[in-house]
Amino acid sequence: MNNFYTRDLSGLANLSPGKIELDILNEDHDGIPIVIAPGFLTQGSDDWKNYIASKIDAPIYYVKWRSSSVLHFASKQLALNSARSLLSFTNLTLKGMGLLASAYMEWKSAANEANRAGVALARFLNDVWYDDDKAVFIGHSLGVRVITEAMRNLTHDNVMTSISLAGALNRDEYDRRITAIASPRTIAHTNVYSTNDQILKWVYRMGELNYSQRPIGLECSGLANVHNHKNAIGHTEYHDDEEFGEFILARYNDAVRVRTM
């Protein structure tokens, strides 16, 4: 239950300088593997991986990557009401400008690390998987950057499907990455987005300094092969919500059924 893979990747800032770590559960099981990449607000929570591991007879690859100090910043320095006021540039104080600069730097650091973690994950999977190996990829928040970057850098046709929850990634960039996945098949993906995600509405906008384009976690993908699932859940509620655990299980089982038909 506590098997770890650690790979030396000098120059990449992931779990610790130069390393990415995978927590592998159900390693001796034979089902279609699941690759899970948590986001910056789900790091440290074992609810997802333990729930899925207990319900699915398949190996679980839980990606551990260092997501900077965004959570500390978001929770202690930036209440959502402050975020709204900071976005009103006519009202910025010197302190507000400092907070805005900090938000941008912290978010950018975590976003870059998520992309690097995705590349590192793809390198590992390229070493151990071939075309016959298929997997379900699940990402939350910045973890969507991890899985989409990994999927588009895979050498082999390994993606069976993916599930993106509250994706902290520009919608157009999400669509580009999904389109870039190498496969002769049409792969169905799921995008779960919310109308009530305050983190993506405010903190994401400040961190990206982009107020015209919204993240995929707030709206539909424009791709025909992406199923968009709308809800009103908050950003941090996915990983400990039993209903969404069941939703993920249903999507996994659907993908497995289609593969065996």
C-alpha atoms as a PDB file:
ATOM      1  CA  MET A   1       0.000   0.000   0.000  1.00  0.00           C
ATOM      2  CA  ASN A   2       2.935   2.358   0.531  1.00  0.00           C
ATOM      3  CA  ASN A   3       5.104   1.810  -2.538  1.00  0.00           C
ATOM      4  CA  PHE A   4       6.915   4.845  -3.897  1.00  0.00           C
ATOM      5  CA  TYR A   5       8.711   5.667  -7.132  1.00  0.00           C
ATOM      6  CA  THR A   6      11.181   8.550  -7.004  1.00  0.00           C
ATOM      7  CA  ARG A   7      13.005   9.738 -10.108  1.00  0.00           C
ATOM      8  CA  ASP A   8      15.935  12.146 -10.262  1.00  0.00           C
ATOM      9  CA  LEU A   9      14.986  14.970 -12.617  1.00  0.00           C
ATOM     10  CA  SER A  10      17.541  17.706 -12.047  1.00  0.00           C
ATOM     11  CA  GLY A  11      16.224  21.199 -12.578  1.00  0.00           C
ATOM     12  CA  LEU A  12      12.543  20.352 -12.087  1.00  0.00           C
ATOM     13  CA  ALA A  13      10.839  21.820  -9.019  1.00  0.00           C
ATOM     14  CA  ASN A  14       8.311  19.168  -8.075  1.00  0.00           C
ATOM     15  CA  LEU A  15       7.822  17.423  -4.714  1.00  0.00           C
ATOM     16  CA  SER A  16      11.324  18.514  -3.717  1.00  0.00           C
ATOM     17  CA  PRO A  17      14.042  20.044  -5.884  1.00  0.00           C
ATOM     18  CA  GLY A  18      14.767  17.651  -8.748  1.00  0.00           C
ATOM     19  CA  LYS A  19      12.253  14.902  -7.927  1.00  0.00           C
ATOM     20  CA  ILE A  20       8.729  13.691  -8.649  1.00  0.00           C
ATOM     21  CA  GLU A  21       7.160  10.984  -6.509  1.00  0.00           C
ATOM     22  CA  LEU A  22       4.352   8.520  -7.215  1.00  0.00           C
ATOM     23  CA  ASP A  23       2.412   6.842  -4.445  1.00  0.00           C
ATOM     24  CA  ILE A  24       1.274   3.536  -5.975  1.00  0.00           C
ATOM     25  CA  LEU A  25      -1.710   1.767  -4.418  1.00  0.00           C
ATOM     26  CA  ASN A  26      -3.189  -1.604  -5.466  1.00  0.00           C
ATOM     27  CA  GLU A  27       0.037  -2.280  -7.344  1.00  0.00           C
ATOM     28  CA  ASP A  28      -0.683  -6.006  -7.677  1.00  0.00           C
ATOM     29  CA  HIS A  29      -4.202  -5.486  -9.108  1.00  0.00           C
ATOM     30  CA  ASP A  30      -5.006  -6.087 -12.772  1.00  0.00           C
ATOM     31  CA  GLY A  31      -7.564  -3.388 -13.644  1.00  0.00           C
ATOM     32  CA  ILE A  32      -7.083  -0.354 -15.897  1.00  0.00           C
ATOM     33  CA  PRO A  33      -4.752   1.993 -13.947  1.00  0.00           C
ATOM     34  CA  ILE A  34      -5.812   5.405 -12.696  1.00  0.00           C
ATOM     35  CA  VAL A  35      -3.393   8.340 -12.597  1.00  0.00           C
ATOM     36  CA  ILE A  36      -4.433  11.048 -10.112  1.00  0.00           C
ATOM     37  CA  ALA A  37      -2.857  14.516  -9.915  1.00  0.00           C
ATOM     38  CA  PRO A  38      -4.079  16.622  -6.978  1.00  0.00           C
ATOM     39  CA  GLY A  39      -4.215  20.408  -7.070  1.00  0.00           C
ATOM     40  CA  PHE A  40      -2.795  22.985  -4.722  1.00  0.00           C
ATOM     41  CA  LEU A  41      -5.827  22.805  -2.409  1.00  0.00           C
ATOM     42  CA  THR A  42      -6.004  18.999  -2.332  1.00  0.00           C
ATOM     43  CA  GLN A  43      -2.351  18.352  -1.539  1.00  0.00           C
ATOM     44  CA  GLY A  44      -2.059  16.525   1.776  1.00  0.00           C
ATOM     45  CA  SER A  45      -5.530  15.000   1.564  1.00  0.00           C
ATOM     46  CA  ASP A  46      -5.662  11.233   1.124  1.00  0.00           C
ATOM     47  CA  ASP A  47      -9.456  11.092   0.712  1.00  0.00           C
ATOM     48  CA  TRP A  48      -9.448  10.732  -3.080  1.00  0.00           C
ATOM     49  CA  LYS A  49      -6.831   8.084  -3.484  1.00  0.00           C
ATOM     50  CA  ASN A  50      -8.020   5.986  -0.539  1.00  0.00           C
ATOM     51  CA  TYR A  51     -11.678   6.123  -1.625  1.00  0.00           C
ATOM     52  CA  ILE A  52     -10.900   5.218  -5.233  1.00  0.00           C
ATOM     53  CA  ALA A  53      -8.405   2.530  -4.210  1.00  0.00           C
ATOM     54  CA  SER A  54     -11.053   0.918  -2.006  1.00  0.00           C
ATOM     55  CA  LYS A  55     -13.680   0.896  -4.779  1.00  0.00           C
ATOM     56  CA  ILE A  56     -11.681   0.012  -7.905  1.00  0.00           C
ATOM     57  CA  ASP A  57      -9.706  -3.160  -8.481  1.00  0.00           C
ATOM     58  CA  ALA A  58      -6.874  -1.391 -10.303  1.00  0.00           C
ATOM     59  CA  PRO A  59      -3.489   0.228  -9.645  1.00  0.00           C
ATOM     60  CA  ILE A  60      -3.652   3.861  -8.509  1.00  0.00           C
ATOM     61  CA  TYR A  61      -0.773   6.202  -9.413  1.00  0.00           C
ATOM     62  CA  TYR A  62      -1.024   9.235  -7.112  1.00  0.00           C
ATOM     63  CA  VAL A  63       1.272  12.015  -8.340  1.00  0.00           C
ATOM     64  CA  LYS A  64       3.052  13.988  -5.637  1.00  0.00           C
ATOM     65  CA  TRP A  65       4.450  17.318  -6.766  1.00  0.00           C
ATOM     66  CA  ARG A  66       5.452  20.470  -4.920  1.00  0.00           C
ATOM     67  CA  SER A  67       2.720  23.030  -5.470  1.00  0.00           C
ATOM     68  CA  SER A  68       4.563  26.039  -4.046  1.00  0.00           C
ATOM     69  CA  SER A  69       3.019  28.018  -1.177  1.00  0.00           C
ATOM     70  CA  VAL A  70      -0.144  29.084  -2.967  1.00  0.00           C
ATOM     71  CA  LEU A  71      -2.383  27.428  -0.360  1.00  0.00           C
ATOM     72  CA  HIS A  72      -0.650  29.277   2.473  1.00  0.00           C
ATOM     73  CA  PHE A  73      -0.963  32.532   0.576  1.00  0.00           C
ATOM     74  CA  ALA A  74      -4.567  32.006  -0.436  1.00  0.00           C
ATOM     75  CA  SER A  75      -5.768  30.972   3.017  1.00  0.00           C
ATOM     76  CA  LYS A  76      -3.874  33.460   5.201  1.00  0.00           C
ATOM     77  CA  GLN A  77      -3.317  36.563   3.111  1.00  0.00           C
ATOM     78  CA  LEU A  78      -6.107  36.660   0.585  1.00  0.00           C
ATOM     79  CA  ALA A  79      -9.691  36.361   1.774  1.00  0.00           C
ATOM     80  CA  LEU A  80     -12.087  36.239  -1.170  1.00  0.00           C
ATOM     81  CA  ASN A  81     -13.608  39.605  -0.308  1.00  0.00           C
ATOM     82  CA  SER A  82     -10.128  41.116  -0.467  1.00  0.00           C
ATOM     83  CA  ALA A  83      -9.586  39.465  -3.821  1.00  0.00           C
ATOM     84  CA  ARG A  84     -12.694  41.136  -5.206  1.00  0.00           C
ATOM     85  CA  SER A  85     -11.573  44.541  -3.986  1.00  0.00           C
ATOM     86  CA  LEU A  86      -8.062  43.989  -5.335  1.00  0.00           C
ATOM     87  CA  LEU A  87      -9.538  43.424  -8.770  1.00  0.00           C
ATOM     88  CA  SER A  88     -10.941  46.948  -8.652  1.00  0.00           C
ATOM     89  CA  PHE A  89      -7.822  48.762  -9.842  1.00  0.00           C
ATOM     90  CA  THR A  90      -9.239  52.200  -9.010  1.00  0.00           C
ATOM     91  CA  ASN A  91      -9.201  51.136  -5.356  1.00  0.00           C
ATOM     92  CA  LEU A  92      -5.710  49.649  -5.079  1.00  0.00           C
ATOM     93  CA  THR A  93      -3.656  50.677  -2.061  1.00  0.00           C
ATOM     94  CA  LEU A  94       0.085  50.109  -1.736  1.00  0.00           C
ATOM     95  CA  LYS A  95      -0.666  47.046   0.400  1.00  0.00           C
ATOM     96  CA  GLY A  96      -3.173  45.832  -2.176  1.00  0.00           C
ATOM     97  CA  MET A  97      -0.629  46.171  -4.959  1.00  0.00           C
ATOM     98  CA  GLY A  98       1.798  44.098  -2.886  1.00  0.00           C
ATOM     99  CA  LEU A  99      -0.796  41.378  -2.378  1.00  0.00           C
ATOM    100  CA  LEU A 100      -1.600  41.360  -6.071  1.00  0.00           C
ATOM    101  CA  ALA A 101       2.084  40.996  -6.932  1.00  0.00           C
ATOM    102  CA  SER A 102       2.450  38.174  -4.392  1.00  0.00           C
ATOM    103  CA  ALA A 103      -0.601  36.386  -5.783  1.00  0.00           C
ATOM    104  CA  TYR A 104       0.810  36.591  -9.291  1.00  0.00           C
ATOM    105  CA  MET A 105       4.265  35.296  -8.295  1.00  0.00           C
ATOM    106  CA  GLU A 106       2.977  32.450  -6.100  1.00  0.00           C
ATOM    107  CA  TRP A 107       0.405  31.271  -8.631  1.00  0.00           C
ATOM    108  CA  LYS A 108       2.843  31.483 -11.533  1.00  0.00           C
ATOM    109  CA  SER A 109       5.381  29.423  -9.588  1.00  0.00           C
ATOM    110  CA  ALA A 110       2.834  26.703  -8.813  1.00  0.00           C
ATOM    111  CA  ALA A 111       1.487  26.704 -12.386  1.00  0.00           C
ATOM    112  CA  ASN A 112       4.987  26.295 -13.825  1.00  0.00           C
ATOM    113  CA  GLU A 113       5.718  23.465 -11.404  1.00  0.00           C
ATOM    114  CA  ALA A 114       2.486  21.749 -12.443  1.00  0.00           C
ATOM    115  CA  ASN A 115       3.592  21.837 -16.083  1.00  0.00           C
ATOM    116  CA  ARG A 116       7.028  20.463 -15.152  1.00  0.00           C
ATOM    117  CA  ALA A 117       5.417  17.731 -13.078  1.00  0.00           C
ATOM    118  CA  GLY A 118       3.366  16.756 -16.141  1.00  0.00           C
ATOM    119  CA  VAL A 119       6.505  16.440 -18.258  1.00  0.00           C
ATOM    120  CA  ALA A 120       8.197  14.370 -15.536  1.00  0.00           C
ATOM    121  CA  LEU A 121       5.144  12.115 -15.265  1.00  0.00           C
ATOM    122  CA  ALA A 122       5.128  11.553 -19.036  1.00  0.00           C
ATOM    123  CA  ARG A 123       8.817  10.614 -18.964  1.00  0.00           C
ATOM    124  CA  PHE A 124       8.177   7.981 -16.316  1.00  0.00           C
ATOM    125  CA  LEU A 125       5.136   6.537 -18.112  1.00  0.00           C
ATOM    126  CA  ASN A 126       6.989   6.508 -21.443  1.00  0.00           C
ATOM    127  CA  ASP A 127       9.601   4.280 -19.807  1.00  0.00           C
ATOM    128  CA  VAL A 128       7.155   1.716 -18.434  1.00  0.00           C
ATOM    129  CA  TRP A 129       4.131   1.720 -20.784  1.00  0.00           C
ATOM    130  CA  TYR A 130       3.568   0.700 -24.417  1.00  0.00           C
ATOM    131  CA  ASP A 131       0.605   1.157 -26.797  1.00  0.00           C
ATOM    132  CA  ASP A 132      -1.362  -1.686 -25.223  1.00  0.00           C
ATOM    133  CA  ASP A 133      -1.260   0.014 -21.819  1.00  0.00           C
ATOM    134  CA  LYS A 134      -4.215   2.302 -21.173  1.00  0.00           C
ATOM    135  CA  ALA A 135      -5.073   4.483 -18.163  1.00  0.00           C
ATOM    136  CA  VAL A 136      -7.649   6.916 -16.820  1.00  0.00           C
ATOM    137  CA  PHE A 137      -6.182  10.321 -15.917  1.00  0.00           C
ATOM    138  CA  ILE A 138      -7.820  12.442 -13.195  1.00  0.00           C
ATOM    139  CA  GLY A 139      -6.761  15.957 -12.214  1.00  0.00           C
ATOM    140  CA  HIS A 140      -8.085  18.620  -9.857  1.00  0.00           C
ATOM    141  CA  SER A 141      -7.312  22.345 -10.014  1.00  0.00           C
ATOM    142  CA  LEU A 142      -3.638  22.759 -10.991  1.00  0.00           C
ATOM    143  CA  GLY A 143      -3.539  18.971 -11.226  1.00  0.00           C
ATOM    144  CA  VAL A 144      -5.396  19.400 -14.542  1.00  0.00           C
ATOM    145  CA  ARG A 145      -2.261  21.104 -15.836  1.00  0.00           C
ATOM    146  CA  VAL A 146      -0.259  18.089 -14.674  1.00  0.00           C
ATOM    147  CA  ILE A 147      -2.392  15.472 -16.446  1.00  0.00           C
ATOM    148  CA  THR A 148      -2.948  17.433 -19.673  1.00  0.00           C
ATOM    149  CA  GLU A 149       0.765  18.188 -19.977  1.00  0.00           C
ATOM    150  CA  ALA A 150       1.558  14.534 -19.294  1.00  0.00           C
ATOM    151  CA  MET A 151      -1.022  13.187 -21.760  1.00  0.00           C
ATOM    152  CA  ARG A 152       0.195  15.332 -24.644  1.00  0.00           C
ATOM    153  CA  ASN A 153       3.806  14.266 -23.987  1.00  0.00           C
ATOM    154  CA  LEU A 154       3.153  10.521 -23.996  1.00  0.00           C
ATOM    155  CA  THR A 155       5.011   8.585 -26.668  1.00  0.00           C
ATOM    156  CA  HIS A 156       2.442   5.788 -26.809  1.00  0.00           C
ATOM    157  CA  ASP A 157      -1.350   5.601 -27.100  1.00  0.00           C
ATOM    158  CA  ASN A 158      -1.935   5.316 -23.337  1.00  0.00           C
ATOM    159  CA  VAL A 159      -4.905   7.599 -22.648  1.00  0.00           C
ATOM    160  CA  MET A 160      -8.214   5.781 -22.287  1.00  0.00           C
ATOM    161  CA  THR A 161     -10.021   8.829 -20.910  1.00  0.00           C
ATOM    162  CA  SER A 162      -9.488  11.775 -18.564  1.00  0.00           C
ATOM    163  CA  ILE A 163     -11.539  13.584 -15.937  1.00  0.00           C
ATOM    164  CA  SER A 164     -10.750  17.224 -15.166  1.00  0.00           C
ATOM    165  CA  LEU A 165     -12.219  18.707 -11.987  1.00  0.00           C
ATOM    166  CA  ALA A 166     -12.169  22.482 -11.367  1.00  0.00           C
ATOM    167  CA  GLY A 167      -9.389  22.866 -13.902  1.00  0.00           C
ATOM    168  CA  ALA A 168      -7.029  25.774 -13.200  1.00  0.00           C
ATOM    169  CA  LEU A 169      -6.030  26.087 -16.838  1.00  0.00           C
ATOM    170  CA  ASN A 170      -7.137  28.487 -19.533  1.00  0.00           C
ATOM    171  CA  ARG A 171      -9.942  26.921 -21.572  1.00  0.00           C
ATOM    172  CA  ASP A 172      -8.237  27.409 -24.927  1.00  0.00           C
ATOM    173  CA  GLU A 173      -5.009  25.901 -23.584  1.00  0.00           C
ATOM    174  CA  TYR A 174      -6.966  22.929 -22.211  1.00  0.00           C
ATOM    175  CA  ASP A 175      -8.502  22.371 -25.651  1.00  0.00           C
ATOM    176  CA  ARG A 176      -5.078  22.626 -27.318  1.00  0.00           C
ATOM    177  CA  ARG A 177      -3.543  20.074 -24.967  1.00  0.00           C
ATOM    178  CA  ILE A 178      -6.429  17.627 -25.355  1.00  0.00           C
ATOM    179  CA  THR A 179      -6.230  17.955 -29.143  1.00  0.00           C
ATOM    180  CA  ALA A 180      -2.458  17.310 -29.041  1.00  0.00           C
ATOM    181  CA  ILE A 181      -2.810  13.858 -27.422  1.00  0.00           C
ATOM    182  CA  ALA A 182      -1.403  11.309 -29.861  1.00  0.00           C
ATOM    183  CA  SER A 183      -3.933   8.577 -30.657  1.00  0.00           C
ATOM    184  CA  PRO A 184      -5.583   7.060 -33.739  1.00  0.00           C
ATOM    185  CA  ARG A 185      -8.767   6.833 -31.667  1.00  0.00           C
ATOM    186  CA  THR A 186     -11.247   9.529 -30.698  1.00  0.00           C
ATOM    187  CA  ILE A 187     -10.768   9.769 -26.944  1.00  0.00           C
ATOM    188  CA  ALA A 188     -13.687  10.929 -24.805  1.00  0.00           C
ATOM    189  CA  HIS A 189     -12.810  13.280 -21.943  1.00  0.00           C
ATOM    190  CA  THR A 190     -14.843  14.787 -19.098  1.00  0.00           C
ATOM    191  CA  ASN A 191     -14.638  18.383 -17.891  1.00  0.00           C
ATOM    192  CA  VAL A 192     -16.365  19.062 -14.559  1.00  0.00           C
ATOM    193  CA  TYR A 193     -16.887  22.790 -14.062  1.00  0.00           C
ATOM    194  CA  SER A 194     -18.704  24.896 -11.477  1.00  0.00           C
ATOM    195  CA  THR A 195     -20.672  28.125 -11.281  1.00  0.00           C
ATOM    196  CA  ASN A 196     -19.691  28.511  -7.620  1.00  0.00           C
ATOM    197  CA  ASP A 197     -15.901  28.159  -7.615  1.00  0.00           C
ATOM    198  CA  GLN A 198     -14.653  31.274  -5.835  1.00  0.00           C
ATOM    199  CA  ILE A 199     -10.984  30.247  -6.046  1.00  0.00           C
ATOM    200  CA  LEU A 200     -11.130  30.112  -9.830  1.00  0.00           C
ATOM    201  CA  LYS A 201     -13.284  33.230 -10.054  1.00  0.00           C
ATOM    202  CA  TRP A 202     -10.918  35.417  -8.036  1.00  0.00           C
ATOM    203  CA  VAL A 203      -7.557  33.922  -7.043  1.00  0.00           C
ATOM    204  CA  TYR A 204      -7.023  32.343 -10.479  1.00  0.00           C
ATOM    205  CA  ARG A 205      -7.774  35.625 -12.239  1.00  0.00           C
ATOM    206  CA  MET A 206      -5.255  37.511 -10.129  1.00  0.00           C
ATOM    207  CA  GLY A 207      -2.612  34.817 -10.473  1.00  0.00           C
ATOM    208  CA  GLU A 208      -2.965  34.699 -14.243  1.00  0.00           C
ATOM    209  CA  LEU A 209      -3.438  38.463 -14.661  1.00  0.00           C
ATOM    210  CA  ASN A 210      -5.924  37.497 -17.336  1.00  0.00           C
ATOM    211  CA  TYR A 211      -9.432  38.875 -16.966  1.00  0.00           C
ATOM    212  CA  SER A 212     -10.797  38.137 -20.435  1.00  0.00           C
ATOM    213  CA  GLN A 213     -10.204  34.367 -20.593  1.00  0.00           C
ATOM    214  CA  ARG A 214     -11.701  32.022 -18.021  1.00  0.00           C
ATOM    215  CA  PRO A 215     -10.325  28.695 -16.785  1.00  0.00           C
ATOM    216  CA  ILE A 216     -11.803  25.391 -17.936  1.00  0.00           C
ATOM    217  CA  GLY A 217     -13.074  24.851 -14.390  1.00  0.00           C
ATOM    218  CA  LEU A 218     -15.584  27.665 -14.896  1.00  0.00           C
ATOM    219  CA  GLU A 219     -16.928  26.864 -18.362  1.00  0.00           C
ATOM    220  CA  CYS A 220     -17.388  24.331 -21.138  1.00  0.00           C
ATOM    221  CA  SER A 221     -14.680  22.996 -23.371  1.00  0.00           C
ATOM    222  CA  GLY A 222     -15.194  23.770 -27.037  1.00  0.00           C
ATOM    223  CA  LEU A 223     -14.237  20.260 -28.176  1.00  0.00           C
ATOM    224  CA  ALA A 224     -16.780  17.739 -29.439  1.00  0.00           C
ATOM    225  CA  ASN A 225     -15.061  14.847 -27.639  1.00  0.00           C
ATOM    226  CA  VAL A 226     -15.226  16.534 -24.218  1.00  0.00           C
ATOM    227  CA  HIS A 227     -18.291  15.875 -22.069  1.00  0.00           C
ATOM    228  CA  ASN A 228     -18.988  18.978 -19.945  1.00  0.00           C
ATOM    229  CA  HIS A 229     -20.561  18.392 -16.537  1.00  0.00           C
ATOM    230  CA  LYS A 230     -21.903  21.516 -14.803  1.00  0.00           C
ATOM    231  CA  ASN A 231     -22.399  21.804 -11.032  1.00  0.00           C
ATOM    232  CA  ALA A 232     -22.381  24.390  -8.250  1.00  0.00           C
ATOM    233  CA  ILE A 233     -19.758  22.878  -5.956  1.00  0.00           C
ATOM    234  CA  GLY A 234     -16.912  24.855  -4.352  1.00  0.00           C
ATOM    235  CA  HIS A 235     -13.267  24.459  -5.326  1.00  0.00           C
ATOM    236  CA  THR A 236     -12.189  22.476  -2.263  1.00  0.00           C
ATOM    237  CA  GLU A 237     -15.252  20.234  -1.984  1.00  0.00           C
ATOM    238  CA  TYR A 238     -14.532  17.721  -4.754  1.00  0.00           C
ATOM    239  CA  HIS A 239     -12.017  15.532  -2.983  1.00  0.00           C
ATOM    240  CA  ASP A 240     -14.165  14.779   0.080  1.00  0.00           C
ATOM    241  CA  ASP A 241     -17.583  14.732  -1.588  1.00  0.00           C
ATOM    242  CA  GLU A 242     -18.900  11.161  -1.772  1.00  0.00           C
ATOM    243  CA  GLU A 243     -21.208  12.010  -4.666  1.00  0.00           C
ATOM    244  CA  PHE A 244     -18.213  13.035  -6.768  1.00  0.00           C
ATOM    245  CA  GLY A 245     -16.365   9.938  -5.707  1.00  0.00           C
ATOM    246  CA  GLU A 246     -19.255   7.943  -7.146  1.00  0.00           C
ATOM    247  CA  PHE A 247     -19.257  10.163 -10.247  1.00  0.00           C
ATOM    248  CA  ILE A 248     -15.583   9.354 -10.872  1.00  0.00           C
ATOM    249  CA  LEU A 249     -16.243   5.650 -10.374  1.00  0.00           C
ATOM    250  CA  ALA A 250     -19.110   5.775 -12.876  1.00  0.00           C
ATOM    251  CA  ARG A 251     -16.943   7.528 -15.488  1.00  0.00           C
ATOM    252  CA  TYR A 252     -14.183   4.982 -14.946  1.00  0.00           C
ATOM    253  CA  ASN A 253     -16.573   2.044 -15.316  1.00  0.00           C
ATOM    254  CA  ASP A 254     -18.099   3.564 -18.468  1.00  0.00           C
ATOM    255  CA  ALA A 255     -14.652   3.925 -20.040  1.00  0.00           C
ATOM    256  CA  VAL A 256     -13.722   0.343 -19.168  1.00  0.00           C
ATOM    257  CA  ARG A 257     -16.997  -0.941 -20.648  1.00  0.00           C
ATOM    258  CA  VAL A 258     -16.416   0.918 -23.919  1.00  0.00           C
ATOM    259  CA  ARG A 259     -12.888  -0.492 -24.158  1.00  0.00           C
ATOM    260  CA  THR A 260     -14.081  -4.086 -23.718  1.00  0.00           C
ATOM    261  CA  MET A 261     -16.922  -3.836 -26.258  1.00  0.00           C
END
